[in-house]
């Protein structure tokens, strides 16, 4: 049986279900996207976040930003469900490096009396992603790739921005590199 998405219907989305022919797929194939992502987050949290104390916050954050930028770029080009599973896993691998370590990296530049407000703004904006995505699909485009492309561009811009930043002074002090920290 062949099923086609009615592109004229305003409630139709162009998403992985239609792109990978998953209309009648078993539920576990949908769940595999989330399971692979969160399994990778756990693995990466155990393996890569401790490296921030050894090699520096900046290097680990940049590594995570590079992985997410490349994986998201490839996701835009992927026509294979299996390759997309791998890319979702890589997105999960990048998350602790760029989100957890990146947050610590950013906070180490903040004056202590500003960390609470900055944390509220950062986490508040993170929660806005679902709102923005919902509004995007209702008012801008029903194709997931347009929103994904915007997010990917932001990842590249963030990567280049972090490249211009110095290493965390607190990390440098912890490594005994006092002149660099100054």
N, C-alpha and C. Protein backbone atom coordinates (compact mmCIF):
# COMPACT_ATOMS: atom_id res chain seq x y z
N UNK A 1 0.83 -1.17 0.00
CA UNK A 1 0.00 0.00 0.00
C UNK A 1 0.89 1.25 0.00
N UNK A 2 0.62 2.16 -0.87
CA UNK A 2 1.40 3.37 -0.95
C UNK A 2 0.65 4.51 -0.28
N UNK A 3 1.36 5.29 0.48
CA UNK A 3 0.77 6.42 1.19
C UNK A 3 1.54 7.68 0.81
N UNK A 4 0.84 8.73 0.51
CA UNK A 4 1.47 10.01 0.17
C UNK A 4 0.93 11.09 1.10
N UNK A 5 1.83 11.99 1.46
CA UNK A 5 1.46 13.12 2.30
C UNK A 5 0.77 14.16 1.42
N UNK A 6 -0.35 14.66 1.91
CA UNK A 6 -1.07 15.72 1.20
C UNK A 6 -0.36 17.05 1.51
N UNK A 7 0.51 17.47 0.62
CA UNK A 7 1.32 18.69 0.83
C UNK A 7 0.46 19.96 0.85
N UNK A 8 -0.74 19.88 0.33
CA UNK A 8 -1.63 21.04 0.32
C UNK A 8 -2.30 21.27 1.66
N UNK A 9 -2.38 20.22 2.48
CA UNK A 9 -3.01 20.32 3.78
C UNK A 9 -2.09 21.09 4.73
N UNK A 10 -2.61 22.13 5.36
CA UNK A 10 -1.79 22.97 6.23
C UNK A 10 -1.28 22.23 7.47
N UNK A 11 -1.84 21.08 7.78
CA UNK A 11 -1.40 20.31 8.94
C UNK A 11 -0.33 19.29 8.60
N UNK A 12 0.01 19.15 7.32
CA UNK A 12 1.02 18.18 6.90
C UNK A 12 2.41 18.72 7.13
N UNK A 13 3.27 17.85 7.63
CA UNK A 13 4.67 18.20 7.82
C UNK A 13 5.52 17.34 6.90
N UNK A 14 6.59 17.91 6.40
CA UNK A 14 7.58 17.14 5.66
C UNK A 14 8.62 16.76 6.71
N UNK A 15 8.57 15.50 7.14
CA UNK A 15 9.47 15.08 8.21
C UNK A 15 10.07 13.72 7.90
N UNK A 16 10.73 13.13 8.90
CA UNK A 16 11.40 11.86 8.68
C UNK A 16 10.44 10.74 8.34
N UNK A 17 9.21 10.83 8.80
CA UNK A 17 8.23 9.78 8.50
C UNK A 17 8.04 9.67 6.99
N UNK A 18 7.86 10.80 6.34
CA UNK A 18 7.67 10.76 4.89
C UNK A 18 8.98 10.55 4.15
N UNK A 19 10.06 11.16 4.62
CA UNK A 19 11.34 11.06 3.92
C UNK A 19 11.92 9.66 3.94
N UNK A 20 11.76 8.96 5.04
CA UNK A 20 12.34 7.62 5.17
C UNK A 20 11.31 6.50 4.99
N UNK A 21 10.14 6.84 4.51
CA UNK A 21 9.10 5.84 4.27
C UNK A 21 8.70 5.10 5.53
N UNK A 22 8.49 5.81 6.61
CA UNK A 22 8.20 5.18 7.90
C UNK A 22 6.72 5.21 8.27
N UNK A 23 5.85 5.48 7.32
CA UNK A 23 4.43 5.62 7.62
C UNK A 23 3.86 4.42 8.36
N UNK A 24 4.19 3.23 7.95
CA UNK A 24 3.64 2.02 8.59
C UNK A 24 4.71 1.26 9.36
N UNK A 25 5.76 1.94 9.77
CA UNK A 25 6.87 1.28 10.48
C UNK A 25 6.48 0.96 11.92
N UNK A 26 7.12 -0.06 12.48
CA UNK A 26 6.88 -0.38 13.90
C UNK A 26 7.32 0.79 14.79
N UNK A 27 6.67 0.92 15.93
CA UNK A 27 6.93 2.04 16.83
C UNK A 27 8.39 2.10 17.31
N UNK A 28 9.03 0.92 17.46
CA UNK A 28 10.39 0.93 17.98
C UNK A 28 11.35 1.65 17.04
N UNK A 29 11.05 1.70 15.73
CA UNK A 29 11.92 2.41 14.80
C UNK A 29 11.85 3.92 15.02
N UNK A 30 10.72 4.42 15.47
CA UNK A 30 10.60 5.83 15.82
C UNK A 30 11.33 6.09 17.13
N UNK A 31 11.13 5.21 18.09
CA UNK A 31 11.76 5.34 19.39
C UNK A 31 13.27 5.23 19.35
N UNK A 32 13.77 4.55 18.31
CA UNK A 32 15.21 4.37 18.18
C UNK A 32 15.93 5.71 18.01
N UNK A 33 15.29 6.68 17.37
CA UNK A 33 15.91 8.01 17.24
C UNK A 33 16.20 8.59 18.62
N UNK A 34 15.21 8.61 19.50
CA UNK A 34 15.40 9.16 20.84
C UNK A 34 16.31 8.30 21.69
N UNK A 35 16.17 6.98 21.59
CA UNK A 35 16.99 6.08 22.40
C UNK A 35 18.47 6.21 22.06
N UNK A 36 18.78 6.27 20.77
CA UNK A 36 20.18 6.42 20.36
C UNK A 36 20.74 7.76 20.83
N UNK A 37 19.93 8.80 20.74
CA UNK A 37 20.38 10.12 21.17
C UNK A 37 20.73 10.09 22.66
N UNK A 38 19.81 9.61 23.50
CA UNK A 38 20.02 9.65 24.94
C UNK A 38 21.08 8.65 25.40
N UNK A 39 21.22 7.52 24.73
CA UNK A 39 22.31 6.59 25.04
C UNK A 39 23.65 7.27 24.77
N UNK A 40 23.73 8.00 23.67
CA UNK A 40 24.96 8.72 23.33
C UNK A 40 25.25 9.83 24.34
N UNK A 41 24.22 10.50 24.84
CA UNK A 41 24.42 11.53 25.86
C UNK A 41 25.06 10.92 27.11
N UNK A 42 24.56 9.76 27.52
CA UNK A 42 25.10 9.10 28.71
C UNK A 42 26.56 8.70 28.47
N UNK A 43 26.82 8.07 27.34
CA UNK A 43 28.19 7.64 27.01
C UNK A 43 29.14 8.84 26.96
N UNK A 44 28.72 9.89 26.28
CA UNK A 44 29.56 11.07 26.15
C UNK A 44 29.77 11.76 27.49
N UNK A 45 28.75 11.77 28.33
CA UNK A 45 28.90 12.38 29.66
C UNK A 45 29.97 11.66 30.46
N UNK A 46 30.02 10.36 30.33
CA UNK A 46 31.01 9.57 31.07
C UNK A 46 32.41 9.67 30.46
N UNK A 47 32.48 9.72 29.13
CA UNK A 47 33.78 9.69 28.46
C UNK A 47 34.40 11.06 28.21
N UNK A 48 33.60 12.01 27.76
CA UNK A 48 34.17 13.25 27.25
C UNK A 48 34.12 14.44 28.21
N UNK A 49 33.10 14.53 29.06
CA UNK A 49 33.06 15.69 29.95
C UNK A 49 34.24 15.72 30.92
N UNK A 50 34.74 14.59 31.42
CA UNK A 50 35.92 14.67 32.30
C UNK A 50 37.17 15.22 31.58
N UNK A 51 37.18 15.13 30.27
CA UNK A 51 38.33 15.64 29.52
C UNK A 51 38.45 17.16 29.62
N UNK A 52 37.36 17.84 29.96
CA UNK A 52 37.39 19.30 30.11
C UNK A 52 38.31 19.71 31.26
N UNK A 53 38.45 18.86 32.27
CA UNK A 53 39.35 19.16 33.38
C UNK A 53 40.79 18.84 33.04
N UNK A 54 41.00 18.06 32.01
CA UNK A 54 42.36 17.68 31.62
C UNK A 54 42.90 18.52 30.46
N UNK A 55 42.06 18.76 29.45
CA UNK A 55 42.50 19.45 28.24
C UNK A 55 41.96 20.86 28.09
N UNK A 56 40.97 21.21 28.89
CA UNK A 56 40.43 22.56 28.84
C UNK A 56 38.99 22.60 28.37
N UNK A 57 38.26 23.59 28.87
CA UNK A 57 36.85 23.75 28.51
C UNK A 57 36.69 24.11 27.04
N UNK A 58 37.57 24.98 26.56
CA UNK A 58 37.44 25.46 25.18
C UNK A 58 37.59 24.32 24.18
N UNK A 59 38.60 23.49 24.35
CA UNK A 59 38.85 22.39 23.40
C UNK A 59 37.68 21.41 23.35
N UNK A 60 37.16 21.05 24.52
CA UNK A 60 36.05 20.10 24.57
C UNK A 60 34.78 20.72 23.98
N UNK A 61 34.54 21.99 24.30
CA UNK A 61 33.37 22.68 23.74
C UNK A 61 33.48 22.78 22.22
N UNK A 62 34.66 23.14 21.72
CA UNK A 62 34.86 23.22 20.27
C UNK A 62 34.68 21.87 19.59
N UNK A 63 35.15 20.83 20.24
CA UNK A 63 34.97 19.47 19.68
C UNK A 63 33.48 19.14 19.57
N UNK A 64 32.73 19.43 20.61
CA UNK A 64 31.28 19.19 20.58
C UNK A 64 30.59 20.01 19.52
N UNK A 65 30.99 21.28 19.38
CA UNK A 65 30.40 22.15 18.36
C UNK A 65 30.75 21.67 16.95
N UNK A 66 31.96 21.18 16.76
CA UNK A 66 32.35 20.65 15.45
C UNK A 66 31.53 19.41 15.10
N UNK A 67 31.37 18.51 16.07
CA UNK A 67 30.60 17.28 15.83
C UNK A 67 29.15 17.61 15.50
N UNK A 68 28.52 18.50 16.29
CA UNK A 68 27.11 18.82 16.03
C UNK A 68 26.95 19.53 14.69
N UNK A 69 27.89 20.41 14.34
CA UNK A 69 27.79 21.13 13.06
C UNK A 69 27.88 20.17 11.88
N UNK A 70 28.83 19.27 11.94
CA UNK A 70 29.00 18.30 10.85
C UNK A 70 27.82 17.34 10.79
N UNK A 71 27.40 16.82 11.95
CA UNK A 71 26.28 15.86 11.97
C UNK A 71 24.99 16.51 11.47
N UNK A 72 24.73 17.74 11.88
CA UNK A 72 23.51 18.42 11.41
C UNK A 72 23.59 18.70 9.92
N UNK A 73 24.77 19.06 9.44
CA UNK A 73 24.93 19.29 7.99
C UNK A 73 24.66 18.02 7.21
N UNK A 74 25.21 16.91 7.68
CA UNK A 74 25.00 15.63 7.01
C UNK A 74 23.55 15.18 7.10
N UNK A 75 22.89 15.52 8.20
CA UNK A 75 21.48 15.17 8.36
C UNK A 75 20.63 15.83 7.27
N UNK A 76 21.00 17.04 6.89
CA UNK A 76 20.28 17.74 5.83
C UNK A 76 20.40 17.02 4.50
N UNK A 77 21.50 16.29 4.31
CA UNK A 77 21.76 15.61 3.04
C UNK A 77 21.38 14.13 3.07
N UNK A 78 21.17 13.59 4.24
CA UNK A 78 20.94 12.15 4.38
C UNK A 78 19.60 11.71 3.78
N UNK A 79 19.66 10.64 3.04
CA UNK A 79 18.43 10.04 2.51
C UNK A 79 18.24 8.63 3.09
N UNK A 80 19.10 8.27 4.03
CA UNK A 80 19.08 6.94 4.61
C UNK A 80 18.66 7.00 6.08
N UNK A 81 17.67 6.21 6.42
CA UNK A 81 17.22 6.14 7.82
C UNK A 81 18.35 5.63 8.71
N UNK A 82 19.08 4.63 8.24
CA UNK A 82 20.15 4.04 9.03
C UNK A 82 21.27 5.04 9.28
N UNK A 83 21.65 5.79 8.23
CA UNK A 83 22.69 6.81 8.40
C UNK A 83 22.18 7.92 9.33
N UNK A 84 20.91 8.24 9.25
CA UNK A 84 20.33 9.24 10.13
C UNK A 84 20.34 8.76 11.58
N UNK A 85 20.14 7.47 11.82
CA UNK A 85 20.28 6.92 13.17
C UNK A 85 21.69 7.20 13.70
N UNK A 86 22.69 6.94 12.87
CA UNK A 86 24.08 7.20 13.25
C UNK A 86 24.28 8.68 13.56
N UNK A 87 23.73 9.55 12.71
CA UNK A 87 23.89 10.99 12.91
C UNK A 87 23.20 11.45 14.19
N UNK A 88 22.04 10.89 14.51
CA UNK A 88 21.36 11.23 15.76
C UNK A 88 22.22 10.79 16.94
N UNK A 89 22.86 9.63 16.83
CA UNK A 89 23.79 9.18 17.87
C UNK A 89 24.92 10.19 18.04
N UNK A 90 25.47 10.68 16.92
CA UNK A 90 26.55 11.67 16.98
C UNK A 90 26.06 12.99 17.58
N UNK A 91 24.81 13.36 17.32
CA UNK A 91 24.24 14.55 17.96
C UNK A 91 24.20 14.36 19.47
N UNK A 92 23.86 13.16 19.91
CA UNK A 92 23.86 12.85 21.34
C UNK A 92 25.27 12.90 21.92
N UNK A 93 26.24 12.40 21.17
CA UNK A 93 27.65 12.43 21.61
C UNK A 93 28.09 13.88 21.83
N UNK A 94 27.66 14.77 20.94
CA UNK A 94 28.10 16.17 21.02
C UNK A 94 27.44 16.94 22.16
N UNK A 95 26.30 16.50 22.61
CA UNK A 95 25.52 17.29 23.57
C UNK A 95 26.24 17.60 24.88
N UNK A 96 26.78 16.62 25.58
CA UNK A 96 27.48 16.97 26.83
C UNK A 96 28.69 17.87 26.61
N UNK A 97 29.39 17.67 25.50
CA UNK A 97 30.58 18.48 25.24
C UNK A 97 30.22 19.95 25.01
N UNK A 98 29.18 20.19 24.26
CA UNK A 98 28.85 21.58 23.93
C UNK A 98 27.88 22.20 24.92
N UNK A 99 26.97 21.41 25.49
CA UNK A 99 25.98 21.97 26.41
C UNK A 99 26.50 21.99 27.84
N UNK A 100 26.90 20.84 28.36
CA UNK A 100 27.32 20.79 29.76
C UNK A 100 28.66 21.51 29.96
N UNK A 101 29.66 21.12 29.15
CA UNK A 101 30.98 21.75 29.28
C UNK A 101 30.91 23.20 28.80
N UNK A 102 30.17 23.44 27.71
CA UNK A 102 30.04 24.80 27.20
C UNK A 102 29.40 25.73 28.21
N UNK A 103 28.43 25.23 28.95
CA UNK A 103 27.79 26.04 29.99
C UNK A 103 28.81 26.40 31.08
N UNK A 104 29.58 25.42 31.52
CA UNK A 104 30.60 25.67 32.55
C UNK A 104 31.64 26.65 32.01
N UNK A 105 32.05 26.44 30.79
CA UNK A 105 33.01 27.33 30.13
C UNK A 105 32.51 28.78 30.14
N UNK A 106 31.27 28.97 29.75
CA UNK A 106 30.69 30.32 29.73
C UNK A 106 30.57 30.90 31.13
N UNK A 107 30.14 30.08 32.09
CA UNK A 107 29.95 30.57 33.46
C UNK A 107 31.26 30.98 34.10
N UNK A 108 32.37 30.37 33.69
CA UNK A 108 33.65 30.71 34.29
C UNK A 108 34.15 32.09 33.85
N UNK A 109 33.50 32.69 32.87
CA UNK A 109 33.83 34.06 32.46
C UNK A 109 32.93 35.09 33.16
N UNK A 110 31.86 34.62 33.77
CA UNK A 110 30.88 35.51 34.38
C UNK A 110 31.31 35.91 35.79
N UNK A 111 31.04 37.18 36.16
CA UNK A 111 31.22 37.55 37.57
C UNK A 111 30.22 36.73 38.41
N UNK A 112 30.63 36.36 39.57
CA UNK A 112 29.82 35.48 40.42
C UNK A 112 28.42 36.03 40.66
N UNK A 113 28.29 37.35 40.77
CA UNK A 113 26.96 37.92 41.05
C UNK A 113 26.06 37.95 39.82
N UNK A 114 26.56 37.57 38.65
CA UNK A 114 25.75 37.56 37.42
C UNK A 114 25.38 36.14 36.96
N UNK A 115 25.92 35.12 37.59
CA UNK A 115 25.70 33.75 37.11
C UNK A 115 24.24 33.32 37.20
N UNK A 116 23.52 33.77 38.22
CA UNK A 116 22.12 33.36 38.35
C UNK A 116 21.27 33.92 37.21
N UNK A 117 21.45 35.18 36.88
CA UNK A 117 20.63 35.77 35.81
C UNK A 117 21.02 35.20 34.45
N UNK A 118 22.29 34.99 34.24
CA UNK A 118 22.75 34.41 32.97
C UNK A 118 22.21 32.99 32.84
N UNK A 119 22.24 32.23 33.91
CA UNK A 119 21.69 30.86 33.89
C UNK A 119 20.20 30.90 33.56
N UNK A 120 19.47 31.80 34.16
CA UNK A 120 18.03 31.90 33.89
C UNK A 120 17.77 32.24 32.42
N UNK A 121 18.55 33.17 31.87
CA UNK A 121 18.38 33.55 30.47
C UNK A 121 18.72 32.39 29.54
N UNK A 122 19.86 31.72 29.81
CA UNK A 122 20.29 30.60 28.96
C UNK A 122 19.26 29.47 28.99
N UNK A 123 18.88 29.05 30.18
CA UNK A 123 17.93 27.94 30.28
C UNK A 123 16.54 28.34 29.80
N UNK A 124 16.17 29.58 30.01
CA UNK A 124 14.88 30.07 29.50
C UNK A 124 14.85 30.05 27.98
N UNK A 125 15.93 30.48 27.36
CA UNK A 125 16.01 30.44 25.89
C UNK A 125 16.01 29.02 25.37
N UNK A 126 16.62 28.12 26.11
CA UNK A 126 16.63 26.71 25.70
C UNK A 126 15.21 26.17 25.64
N UNK A 127 14.38 26.58 26.59
CA UNK A 127 12.98 26.15 26.60
C UNK A 127 12.16 26.76 25.47
N UNK A 128 12.63 27.87 24.93
CA UNK A 128 11.92 28.52 23.82
C UNK A 128 12.04 27.76 22.50
N UNK A 129 12.97 26.83 22.43
CA UNK A 129 13.18 26.09 21.18
C UNK A 129 11.89 25.42 20.72
N UNK A 130 11.18 24.78 21.62
CA UNK A 130 9.93 24.10 21.25
C UNK A 130 8.87 25.10 20.78
N UNK A 131 8.82 26.25 21.42
CA UNK A 131 7.86 27.28 21.02
C UNK A 131 8.21 27.80 19.62
N UNK A 132 9.48 28.11 19.42
CA UNK A 132 9.92 28.62 18.12
C UNK A 132 9.68 27.59 17.02
N UNK A 133 10.01 26.32 17.30
CA UNK A 133 9.79 25.27 16.31
C UNK A 133 8.31 25.14 15.96
N UNK A 134 7.46 25.19 16.97
CA UNK A 134 6.02 25.10 16.72
C UNK A 134 5.53 26.25 15.86
N UNK A 135 5.94 27.46 16.22
CA UNK A 135 5.53 28.63 15.44
C UNK A 135 6.10 28.58 14.02
N UNK A 136 7.32 28.09 13.88
CA UNK A 136 7.95 27.95 12.56
C UNK A 136 7.09 27.05 11.66
N UNK A 137 6.70 25.88 12.19
CA UNK A 137 5.93 24.94 11.39
C UNK A 137 4.53 25.45 11.06
N UNK A 138 3.97 26.28 11.91
CA UNK A 138 2.64 26.83 11.66
C UNK A 138 2.69 27.99 10.67
N UNK A 139 3.67 28.89 10.84
CA UNK A 139 3.64 30.14 10.09
C UNK A 139 4.71 30.30 9.01
N UNK A 140 5.79 29.54 9.07
CA UNK A 140 6.88 29.76 8.12
C UNK A 140 7.00 28.63 7.10
N UNK A 141 7.22 27.42 7.58
CA UNK A 141 7.43 26.30 6.66
C UNK A 141 7.04 25.00 7.33
N UNK A 142 6.53 24.07 6.53
CA UNK A 142 6.17 22.75 7.06
C UNK A 142 7.31 21.75 6.87
N UNK A 143 8.39 22.18 6.27
CA UNK A 143 9.54 21.32 6.00
C UNK A 143 10.55 21.46 7.14
N UNK A 144 10.92 20.36 7.77
CA UNK A 144 11.84 20.38 8.90
C UNK A 144 13.22 20.88 8.51
N UNK A 145 13.59 20.71 7.24
CA UNK A 145 14.95 21.05 6.84
C UNK A 145 15.23 22.55 6.87
N UNK A 146 14.21 23.37 6.69
CA UNK A 146 14.44 24.81 6.73
C UNK A 146 14.83 25.26 8.15
N UNK A 147 14.13 24.75 9.14
CA UNK A 147 14.45 25.07 10.54
C UNK A 147 15.79 24.45 10.93
N UNK A 148 16.02 23.23 10.48
CA UNK A 148 17.28 22.53 10.78
C UNK A 148 18.47 23.29 10.19
N UNK A 149 18.30 23.83 8.99
CA UNK A 149 19.36 24.60 8.35
C UNK A 149 19.69 25.83 9.19
N UNK A 150 18.68 26.52 9.68
CA UNK A 150 18.90 27.69 10.53
C UNK A 150 19.69 27.30 11.80
N UNK A 151 19.30 26.19 12.40
CA UNK A 151 19.99 25.72 13.61
C UNK A 151 21.44 25.34 13.29
N UNK A 152 21.65 24.74 12.14
CA UNK A 152 23.00 24.35 11.73
C UNK A 152 23.88 25.58 11.50
N UNK A 153 23.34 26.58 10.88
CA UNK A 153 24.09 27.83 10.67
C UNK A 153 24.48 28.44 12.02
N UNK A 154 23.55 28.41 12.99
CA UNK A 154 23.86 28.93 14.32
C UNK A 154 24.97 28.12 15.00
N UNK A 155 25.00 26.81 14.76
CA UNK A 155 26.07 25.97 15.32
C UNK A 155 27.43 26.39 14.75
N UNK A 156 27.49 26.60 13.44
CA UNK A 156 28.75 27.04 12.83
C UNK A 156 29.17 28.41 13.35
N UNK A 157 28.23 29.33 13.47
CA UNK A 157 28.55 30.66 13.99
C UNK A 157 29.06 30.58 15.42
N UNK A 158 28.43 29.72 16.23
CA UNK A 158 28.88 29.54 17.61
C UNK A 158 30.28 28.95 17.64
N UNK A 159 30.56 27.98 16.77
CA UNK A 159 31.90 27.39 16.69
C UNK A 159 32.94 28.48 16.43
N UNK A 160 32.69 29.32 15.42
CA UNK A 160 33.65 30.37 15.08
C UNK A 160 33.77 31.41 16.19
N UNK A 161 32.67 31.70 16.88
CA UNK A 161 32.72 32.63 18.01
C UNK A 161 33.59 32.06 19.13
N UNK A 162 33.39 30.79 19.46
CA UNK A 162 34.17 30.18 20.55
C UNK A 162 35.65 30.12 20.16
N UNK A 163 35.95 29.97 18.87
CA UNK A 163 37.36 29.98 18.42
C UNK A 163 38.06 31.29 18.80
N UNK A 164 37.31 32.37 18.86
CA UNK A 164 37.91 33.68 19.17
C UNK A 164 38.09 33.90 20.66
N UNK A 165 37.50 33.06 21.47
CA UNK A 165 37.55 33.24 22.92
C UNK A 165 38.81 32.59 23.51
N UNK A 166 39.28 33.11 24.64
CA UNK A 166 40.41 32.46 25.31
C UNK A 166 39.94 31.23 26.10
N UNK A 167 40.87 30.47 26.59
CA UNK A 167 40.55 29.35 27.48
C UNK A 167 40.03 29.93 28.79
N UNK A 168 39.27 29.16 29.51
CA UNK A 168 38.71 29.57 30.79
C UNK A 168 39.83 29.91 31.78
N UNK A 169 39.76 31.11 32.38
CA UNK A 169 40.78 31.47 33.37
C UNK A 169 40.80 30.50 34.56
N UNK A 170 39.64 30.02 34.97
CA UNK A 170 39.61 29.09 36.10
C UNK A 170 40.32 27.77 35.75
N UNK A 171 40.14 27.30 34.51
CA UNK A 171 40.85 26.10 34.09
C UNK A 171 42.36 26.36 34.09
N UNK A 172 42.77 27.51 33.54
CA UNK A 172 44.20 27.83 33.47
C UNK A 172 44.81 27.90 34.87
N UNK A 173 44.09 28.49 35.83
CA UNK A 173 44.58 28.55 37.21
C UNK A 173 44.70 27.15 37.78
N UNK A 174 43.71 26.30 37.50
CA UNK A 174 43.74 24.92 38.03
C UNK A 174 44.91 24.13 37.46
N UNK A 175 45.40 24.53 36.29
CA UNK A 175 46.54 23.85 35.67
C UNK A 175 47.87 24.54 36.02
N UNK A 176 47.81 25.58 36.83
CA UNK A 176 49.02 26.29 37.22
C UNK A 176 49.55 27.23 36.15
N UNK A 177 48.74 27.58 35.19
CA UNK A 177 49.14 28.47 34.10
C UNK A 177 48.64 29.89 34.42
N UNK A 178 49.27 30.49 35.43
CA UNK A 178 48.81 31.74 36.02
C UNK A 178 48.95 32.93 35.07
N UNK A 179 50.04 32.99 34.32
CA UNK A 179 50.23 34.12 33.39
C UNK A 179 49.14 34.14 32.32
N UNK A 180 48.84 32.97 31.77
CA UNK A 180 47.77 32.89 30.76
C UNK A 180 46.42 33.28 31.37
N UNK A 181 46.18 32.88 32.61
CA UNK A 181 44.93 33.17 33.29
C UNK A 181 44.75 34.68 33.48
N UNK A 182 45.85 35.37 33.76
CA UNK A 182 45.76 36.82 33.93
C UNK A 182 45.32 37.45 32.63
